[in-house]
Amino acid sequence: QVQLDESGGGWVQAGGSLRLSCAASGPPSSINAMAWFRQAPGKERECVAAMSRIGVKTICADSVHGRFTISRDNTKNTIYLQMNSLQPEDTAVYYCAAGVYLTSTKNGYNFWGRGTQVTVSS
């Protein structure tokens, strides 16, 4: 019903930047809210940032304030995560998620991408 395709992950040295993209396909009502989550080894999946179709956005993780920016292109049904000043603790699998309501809780999203690995070396 809804498919999410992430891209843009990779390896970068500390202080570097990466830009993640997530292209969505499916009913617009099912992808009103889109978000980025991440999961590091041995840790819970946590919300990084989320954004609604009308442009309301939230940065969920305090540790990325001032470094990560979420944006969205509704004409392409694509959401982006610009990650600057990356640190080793940002290393994780980053997942794109879509749902009806804007929320920072993972249970609030019905659809998930497969994830893209981000590795930051010190």
C-alpha atoms as a PDB file:
ATOM      1  CA  GLN A   1       0.000   0.000   0.000  1.00  0.00           C
ATOM      2  CA  VAL A   2       2.741   2.445   0.973  1.00  0.00           C
ATOM      3  CA  GLN A   3       6.335   1.972  -0.071  1.00  0.00           C
ATOM      4  CA  LEU A   4       9.241   3.941   1.345  1.00  0.00           C
ATOM      5  CA  ASP A   5      12.628   3.938  -0.349  1.00  0.00           C
ATOM      6  CA  GLU A   6      15.541   5.412   1.579  1.00  0.00           C
ATOM      7  CA  SER A   7      18.865   6.455   0.146  1.00  0.00           C
ATOM      8  CA  GLY A   8      21.900   8.511   1.051  1.00  0.00           C
ATOM      9  CA  GLY A   9      23.459   6.600   3.889  1.00  0.00           C
ATOM     10  CA  GLY A  10      27.128   5.736   4.008  1.00  0.00           C
ATOM     11  CA  TRP A  11      30.384   6.260   5.809  1.00  0.00           C
ATOM     12  CA  VAL A  12      31.737   9.624   6.849  1.00  0.00           C
ATOM     13  CA  GLN A  13      34.372  10.976   9.179  1.00  0.00           C
ATOM     14  CA  ALA A  14      33.380  12.926  12.271  1.00  0.00           C
ATOM     15  CA  GLY A  15      32.440  16.469  11.376  1.00  0.00           C
ATOM     16  CA  GLY A  16      31.214  15.478   7.943  1.00  0.00           C
ATOM     17  CA  SER A  17      27.760  15.640   6.404  1.00  0.00           C
ATOM     18  CA  LEU A  18      25.280  13.318   4.771  1.00  0.00           C
ATOM     19  CA  ARG A  19      21.856  13.819   3.269  1.00  0.00           C
ATOM     20  CA  LEU A  20      19.249  11.093   3.508  1.00  0.00           C
ATOM     21  CA  SER A  21      16.274  10.888   1.189  1.00  0.00           C
ATOM     22  CA  CYS A  22      13.080   8.899   1.453  1.00  0.00           C
ATOM     23  CA  ALA A  23      10.681   8.651  -1.467  1.00  0.00           C
ATOM     24  CA  ALA A  24       7.147   7.563  -0.646  1.00  0.00           C
ATOM     25  CA  SER A  25       4.499   6.063  -2.842  1.00  0.00           C
ATOM     26  CA  GLY A  26       0.918   5.430  -1.823  1.00  0.00           C
ATOM     27  CA  PRO A  27      -2.275   7.210  -0.775  1.00  0.00           C
ATOM     28  CA  PRO A  28      -1.567  10.778   0.366  1.00  0.00           C
ATOM     29  CA  SER A  29      -3.684  10.271   3.468  1.00  0.00           C
ATOM     30  CA  SER A  30      -1.363   7.470   4.572  1.00  0.00           C
ATOM     31  CA  ILE A  31       1.772   9.580   4.263  1.00  0.00           C
ATOM     32  CA  ASN A  32       0.567  12.801   5.852  1.00  0.00           C
ATOM     33  CA  ALA A  33       3.304  12.544   8.449  1.00  0.00           C
ATOM     34  CA  MET A  34       6.793  11.334   7.657  1.00  0.00           C
ATOM     35  CA  ALA A  35       9.656  10.868  10.016  1.00  0.00           C
ATOM     36  CA  TRP A  36      13.200   9.687  10.450  1.00  0.00           C
ATOM     37  CA  PHE A  37      14.065   7.230  13.191  1.00  0.00           C
ATOM     38  CA  ARG A  38      17.380   5.634  13.986  1.00  0.00           C
ATOM     39  CA  GLN A  39      18.510   2.553  15.804  1.00  0.00           C
ATOM     40  CA  ALA A  40      22.022   1.972  17.049  1.00  0.00           C
ATOM     41  CA  PRO A  41      23.235  -1.518  18.012  1.00  0.00           C
ATOM     42  CA  GLY A  42      21.778  -2.565  21.333  1.00  0.00           C
ATOM     43  CA  LYS A  43      19.562   0.494  21.598  1.00  0.00           C
ATOM     44  CA  GLU A  44      15.915   1.279  21.104  1.00  0.00           C
ATOM     45  CA  ARG A  45      14.710   2.833  17.878  1.00  0.00           C
ATOM     46  CA  GLU A  46      14.388   6.555  18.489  1.00  0.00           C
ATOM     47  CA  CYS A  47      12.753   9.406  16.634  1.00  0.00           C
ATOM     48  CA  VAL A  48      15.156  11.864  15.055  1.00  0.00           C
ATOM     49  CA  ALA A  49      12.803  14.266  13.289  1.00  0.00           C
ATOM     50  CA  ALA A  50       9.307  14.351  11.851  1.00  0.00           C
ATOM     51  CA  MET A  51       7.356  16.542   9.492  1.00  0.00           C
ATOM     52  CA  SER A  52       3.773  16.818   8.331  1.00  0.00           C
ATOM     53  CA  ARG A  53       2.552  17.474   4.806  1.00  0.00           C
ATOM     54  CA  ILE A  54       1.658  21.063   5.657  1.00  0.00           C
ATOM     55  CA  GLY A  55       5.128  21.785   6.980  1.00  0.00           C
ATOM     56  CA  VAL A  56       4.873  21.337  10.722  1.00  0.00           C
ATOM     57  CA  LYS A  57       8.153  19.849  11.862  1.00  0.00           C
ATOM     58  CA  THR A  58       9.758  18.634  15.025  1.00  0.00           C
ATOM     59  CA  ILE A  59      13.238  17.563  16.023  1.00  0.00           C
ATOM     60  CA  CYS A  60      12.674  14.680  18.401  1.00  0.00           C
ATOM     61  CA  ALA A  61      16.245  13.935  19.478  1.00  0.00           C
ATOM     62  CA  ASP A  62      17.874  16.645  21.572  1.00  0.00           C
ATOM     63  CA  SER A  63      21.313  15.477  20.512  1.00  0.00           C
ATOM     64  CA  VAL A  64      20.755  16.508  16.884  1.00  0.00           C
ATOM     65  CA  HIS A  65      19.400  20.004  17.493  1.00  0.00           C
ATOM     66  CA  GLY A  66      21.321  22.511  15.429  1.00  0.00           C
ATOM     67  CA  ARG A  67      22.976  19.788  13.360  1.00  0.00           C
ATOM     68  CA  PHE A  68      20.156  17.938  11.562  1.00  0.00           C
ATOM     69  CA  THR A  69      17.449  19.490   9.401  1.00  0.00           C
ATOM     70  CA  ILE A  70      14.336  17.799   8.103  1.00  0.00           C
ATOM     71  CA  SER A  71      12.610  18.965   4.940  1.00  0.00           C
ATOM     72  CA  ARG A  72       9.974  17.708   2.572  1.00  0.00           C
ATOM     73  CA  ASP A  73       9.064  18.053  -1.087  1.00  0.00           C
ATOM     74  CA  ASN A  74       5.390  17.218  -1.456  1.00  0.00           C
ATOM     75  CA  THR A  75       5.587  17.326  -5.239  1.00  0.00           C
ATOM     76  CA  LYS A  76       7.938  14.354  -5.063  1.00  0.00           C
ATOM     77  CA  ASN A  77       6.508  12.764  -1.910  1.00  0.00           C
ATOM     78  CA  THR A  78      10.035  12.830  -0.594  1.00  0.00           C
ATOM     79  CA  ILE A  79      11.442  13.687   2.786  1.00  0.00           C
ATOM     80  CA  TYR A  80      15.039  14.598   3.492  1.00  0.00           C
ATOM     81  CA  LEU A  81      17.348  14.626   6.480  1.00  0.00           C
ATOM     82  CA  GLN A  82      20.354  16.877   6.176  1.00  0.00           C
ATOM     83  CA  MET A  83      22.904  15.782   8.755  1.00  0.00           C
ATOM     84  CA  ASN A  84      25.813  18.083   9.517  1.00  0.00           C
ATOM     85  CA  SER A  85      28.623  17.905  12.066  1.00  0.00           C
ATOM     86  CA  LEU A  86      28.144  14.162  12.322  1.00  0.00           C
ATOM     87  CA  GLN A  87      29.565  12.429  15.358  1.00  0.00           C
ATOM     88  CA  PRO A  88      30.360   8.765  16.052  1.00  0.00           C
ATOM     89  CA  GLU A  89      27.315   8.565  18.311  1.00  0.00           C
ATOM     90  CA  ASP A  90      25.141   9.286  15.251  1.00  0.00           C
ATOM     91  CA  THR A  91      26.126   5.887  13.867  1.00  0.00           C
ATOM     92  CA  ALA A  92      22.939   3.886  13.391  1.00  0.00           C
ATOM     93  CA  VAL A  93      20.532   2.474  10.877  1.00  0.00           C
ATOM     94  CA  TYR A  94      18.238   5.295   9.848  1.00  0.00           C
ATOM     95  CA  TYR A  95      14.644   4.453   9.001  1.00  0.00           C
ATOM     96  CA  CYS A  96      12.012   6.437   7.197  1.00  0.00           C
ATOM     97  CA  ALA A  97       8.474   6.127   8.495  1.00  0.00           C
ATOM     98  CA  ALA A  98       5.074   7.321   7.330  1.00  0.00           C
ATOM     99  CA  GLY A  99       1.705   7.650   8.966  1.00  0.00           C
ATOM    100  CA  VAL A 100      -1.362   9.768   9.413  1.00  0.00           C
ATOM    101  CA  TYR A 101      -0.515  11.839  12.467  1.00  0.00           C
ATOM    102  CA  LEU A 102       2.639  13.694  13.348  1.00  0.00           C
ATOM    103  CA  THR A 103       4.173  12.038  16.362  1.00  0.00           C
ATOM    104  CA  SER A 104       7.546  11.133  17.813  1.00  0.00           C
ATOM    105  CA  THR A 105       6.488   7.659  18.871  1.00  0.00           C
ATOM    106  CA  LYS A 106       7.348   4.760  16.614  1.00  0.00           C
ATOM    107  CA  ASN A 107       3.978   3.102  17.242  1.00  0.00           C
ATOM    108  CA  GLY A 108       2.350   6.063  15.542  1.00  0.00           C
ATOM    109  CA  TYR A 109       3.734   5.134  12.144  1.00  0.00           C
ATOM    110  CA  ASN A 110       2.199   2.425  10.026  1.00  0.00           C
ATOM    111  CA  PHE A 111       4.795   2.140   7.296  1.00  0.00           C
ATOM    112  CA  TRP A 112       8.549   1.761   7.419  1.00  0.00           C
ATOM    113  CA  GLY A 113      11.433   1.706   5.008  1.00  0.00           C
ATOM    114  CA  ARG A 114      14.153  -0.924   5.124  1.00  0.00           C
ATOM    115  CA  GLY A 115      16.667   1.449   6.629  1.00  0.00           C
ATOM    116  CA  THR A 116      19.978   2.894   5.523  1.00  0.00           C
ATOM    117  CA  GLN A 117      23.219   2.568   7.443  1.00  0.00           C
ATOM    118  CA  VAL A 118      25.057   5.674   8.579  1.00  0.00           C
ATOM    119  CA  THR A 119      28.528   5.137   9.986  1.00  0.00           C
ATOM    120  CA  VAL A 120      30.574   7.975  11.447  1.00  0.00           C
ATOM    121  CA  SER A 121      34.190   7.299  12.281  1.00  0.00           C
ATOM    122  CA  SER A 122      36.224   9.284  14.778  1.00  0.00           C
END
